[in-house]
Amino acid sequence: MATMIRECTMDDLHELQKVSIETFTETFKEQNSPDQLKSYLKRAYQINQLKTELDNQFSQFYFVYYDYEIAGYLKVNVQDAQTENMGAESLEVERIYIKKKFQKAGLGKQLLDQAFEIASDQNKEKIWLGVWEENKNAIGFYKKKGFVIAGSHSFFMGDEEQTDLIMVKDL
């Protein structure tokens, strides 16, 4: 099966919204109330919000394709776009999501490798991300890739406070 990674542009705004909502819902709907999930999706993935994020010079989005279908996406941040102040030598993987039907096909690894390549190209010293403390599969995946837990921060699903583990890997 053919795979490809491509950087998103403003022309991809509506497809980005669609895949963002689909993958986030698939990933978290079982563990969260419908009202909290709906509230989060409305805030995080509205067109104007995504447009602002796409327009930020310190953020980049990438689609991963599997047989010419968008299978997931990646968002990375540097400088002031990082959701935590981790310093100019850091790159944040803010979002990495794969549609359920494409999981276990190695696409998450490809997107993470893309993030490592971006970090290397920009001479970053570390890469970091936040992952929900209840997302055991993701935590295991990141540990296999050399990330270690270095702290935590709050994540709000609607108005419900949850805890994300901050995982870091030195490059």
Protein backbone atom coordinates (compact mmCIF):
# COMPACT_ATOMS: atom_id res chain seq x y z
CA MET A 1 0.00 0.00 0.00
CA ALA A 2 1.30 3.43 -0.94
CA THR A 3 1.80 6.06 1.73
CA MET A 4 2.73 9.71 1.42
CA ILE A 5 3.16 12.69 3.76
CA ARG A 6 2.35 16.19 2.56
CA GLU A 7 2.42 19.57 4.31
CA CYS A 8 -1.01 21.18 4.64
CA THR A 9 -1.83 24.57 3.17
CA MET A 10 -4.75 26.93 3.64
CA ASP A 11 -6.45 25.10 0.74
CA ASP A 12 -6.64 22.06 3.05
CA LEU A 13 -8.55 23.88 5.80
CA HIS A 14 -11.85 22.01 5.46
CA GLU A 15 -10.19 18.61 5.05
CA LEU A 16 -8.06 19.38 8.12
CA GLN A 17 -11.18 20.19 10.11
CA LYS A 18 -12.85 16.99 8.96
CA VAL A 19 -9.93 14.68 9.80
CA SER A 20 -9.30 16.50 13.10
CA ILE A 21 -12.86 16.00 14.32
CA GLU A 22 -13.02 12.42 13.07
CA THR A 23 -9.75 11.26 14.62
CA PHE A 24 -10.22 13.07 17.93
CA THR A 25 -13.74 11.66 18.28
CA GLU A 26 -12.62 8.12 17.43
CA THR A 27 -9.77 8.36 19.93
CA PHE A 28 -11.62 9.83 22.91
CA LYS A 29 -15.40 9.35 22.61
CA GLU A 30 -15.49 6.18 24.73
CA GLN A 31 -13.73 7.79 27.72
CA ASN A 32 -15.48 11.17 27.76
CA SER A 33 -19.02 12.47 28.07
CA PRO A 34 -20.70 13.48 24.80
CA ASP A 35 -21.26 17.03 26.10
CA GLN A 36 -17.62 17.56 27.10
CA LEU A 37 -16.40 16.10 23.80
CA LYS A 38 -18.79 18.28 21.78
CA SER A 39 -17.70 21.38 23.69
CA TYR A 40 -14.02 20.62 23.05
CA LEU A 41 -14.52 19.88 19.34
CA LYS A 42 -16.48 23.10 18.85
CA ARG A 43 -13.69 25.16 20.41
CA ALA A 44 -10.60 23.39 19.11
CA TYR A 45 -11.60 22.60 15.55
CA GLN A 46 -13.76 25.48 14.39
CA ILE A 47 -12.67 26.84 11.01
CA ASN A 48 -11.39 30.18 12.34
CA GLN A 49 -9.29 28.44 15.00
CA LEU A 50 -7.72 26.06 12.49
CA LYS A 51 -7.16 28.92 10.05
CA THR A 52 -5.26 30.84 12.75
CA GLU A 53 -3.16 27.76 13.53
CA LEU A 54 -2.41 27.08 9.84
CA ASP A 55 -1.42 30.71 9.39
CA ASN A 56 1.04 30.64 12.31
CA GLN A 57 4.60 30.70 10.97
CA PHE A 58 5.76 28.58 13.93
CA SER A 59 3.29 25.72 13.33
CA GLN A 60 3.11 23.14 10.55
CA PHE A 61 0.47 20.55 9.71
CA TYR A 62 1.02 17.41 7.63
CA PHE A 63 -1.42 14.89 6.20
CA VAL A 64 -0.44 11.25 5.88
CA TYR A 65 -2.10 9.41 3.02
CA TYR A 66 -2.70 5.69 2.70
CA ASP A 67 -3.61 4.67 -0.85
CA TYR A 68 -4.44 8.29 -1.71
CA GLU A 69 -6.84 8.72 1.22
CA ILE A 70 -6.09 11.03 4.14
CA ALA A 71 -5.38 8.62 6.97
CA GLY A 72 -4.29 11.07 9.67
CA TYR A 73 -2.29 14.17 10.42
CA LEU A 74 0.50 15.76 12.42
CA LYS A 75 0.86 19.22 13.92
CA VAL A 76 4.23 20.49 15.17
CA ASN A 77 5.08 23.76 16.91
CA VAL A 78 8.25 25.70 17.62
CA GLN A 79 9.03 29.02 19.28
CA ASP A 80 5.95 30.81 20.68
CA ALA A 81 3.50 28.35 19.11
CA GLN A 82 4.45 25.69 21.67
CA THR A 83 1.69 25.05 24.20
CA GLU A 84 4.27 25.07 27.01
CA ASN A 85 7.40 27.20 27.27
CA MET A 86 9.96 24.52 26.50
CA GLY A 87 12.51 26.85 24.95
CA ALA A 88 13.74 27.73 21.49
CA GLU A 89 15.72 24.46 21.26
CA SER A 90 12.49 22.40 21.40
CA LEU A 91 9.91 21.16 18.92
CA GLU A 92 6.44 20.18 20.13
CA VAL A 93 4.34 17.45 18.57
CA GLU A 94 0.97 18.95 19.48
CA ARG A 95 -1.23 16.56 17.50
CA ILE A 96 -0.62 13.20 15.91
CA TYR A 97 -3.76 11.29 14.99
CA ILE A 98 -4.50 8.36 12.71
CA LYS A 99 -8.01 7.30 11.65
CA LYS A 100 -9.03 4.11 13.42
CA LYS A 101 -9.24 2.08 10.20
CA PHE A 102 -5.60 2.91 9.40
CA GLN A 103 -4.12 2.29 12.84
CA LYS A 104 -1.45 -0.42 13.16
CA ALA A 105 -0.26 0.31 9.60
CA GLY A 106 2.89 2.17 10.73
CA LEU A 107 1.50 5.61 9.89
CA GLY A 108 1.95 7.02 13.39
CA LYS A 109 5.61 6.03 13.21
CA GLN A 110 5.90 7.76 9.81
CA LEU A 111 4.41 10.97 11.19
CA LEU A 112 6.66 10.85 14.25
CA ASP A 113 9.65 10.30 11.95
CA GLN A 114 8.49 13.40 10.03
CA ALA A 115 8.55 15.35 13.30
CA PHE A 116 12.07 14.07 14.06
CA GLU A 117 13.19 15.15 10.59
CA ILE A 118 11.72 18.64 11.05
CA ALA A 119 13.41 18.93 14.45
CA SER A 120 16.73 17.85 12.94
CA ASP A 121 16.40 20.26 10.01
CA GLN A 122 15.79 23.09 12.49
CA ASN A 123 18.66 22.02 14.77
CA LYS A 124 16.37 21.36 17.73
CA GLU A 125 17.84 19.63 20.78
CA LYS A 126 14.67 17.97 22.02
CA ILE A 127 11.20 16.98 20.94
CA TRP A 128 8.26 16.83 23.30
CA LEU A 129 4.53 16.19 23.46
CA GLY A 130 1.59 15.94 25.83
CA VAL A 131 -0.37 12.70 26.02
CA TRP A 132 -3.46 11.98 28.12
CA GLU A 133 -2.49 9.93 31.16
CA GLU A 134 -5.27 7.43 30.32
CA ASN A 135 -4.03 6.84 26.75
CA LYS A 136 -1.87 3.82 27.64
CA ASN A 137 -1.33 2.72 24.02
CA ALA A 138 0.08 6.11 23.03
CA ILE A 139 2.25 6.31 26.14
CA GLY A 140 3.69 2.87 25.33
CA PHE A 141 4.32 3.89 21.71
CA TYR A 142 6.19 7.04 22.73
CA LYS A 143 8.25 5.16 25.33
CA LYS A 144 9.32 2.70 22.60
CA LYS A 145 10.45 5.71 20.56
CA GLY A 146 12.67 6.94 23.40
CA PHE A 147 10.42 9.50 25.08
CA VAL A 148 10.44 9.78 28.87
CA ILE A 149 7.86 11.31 31.17
CA ALA A 150 9.14 14.70 32.34
CA GLY A 151 6.07 16.28 33.93
CA SER A 152 2.41 16.99 33.34
CA HIS A 153 -0.02 19.76 32.48
CA SER A 154 -3.76 20.30 32.45
CA PHE A 155 -5.86 19.61 29.38
CA PHE A 156 -9.48 20.72 29.27
CA MET A 157 -12.05 18.48 27.62
CA GLY A 158 -14.84 21.02 27.55
CA ASP A 159 -14.77 22.30 31.11
CA GLU A 160 -13.47 19.03 32.56
CA GLU A 161 -9.84 19.19 33.64
CA GLN A 162 -7.72 16.19 32.67
CA THR A 163 -4.01 15.49 33.00
CA ASP A 164 -1.62 15.16 30.08
CA LEU A 165 1.82 13.67 30.69
CA ILE A 166 4.64 15.67 29.15
CA MET A 167 7.03 13.31 27.39
CA VAL A 168 10.42 14.45 26.11
CA LYS A 169 13.15 12.97 23.94
CA ASP A 170 16.60 14.47 23.59
CA LEU A 171 17.86 14.53 20.02
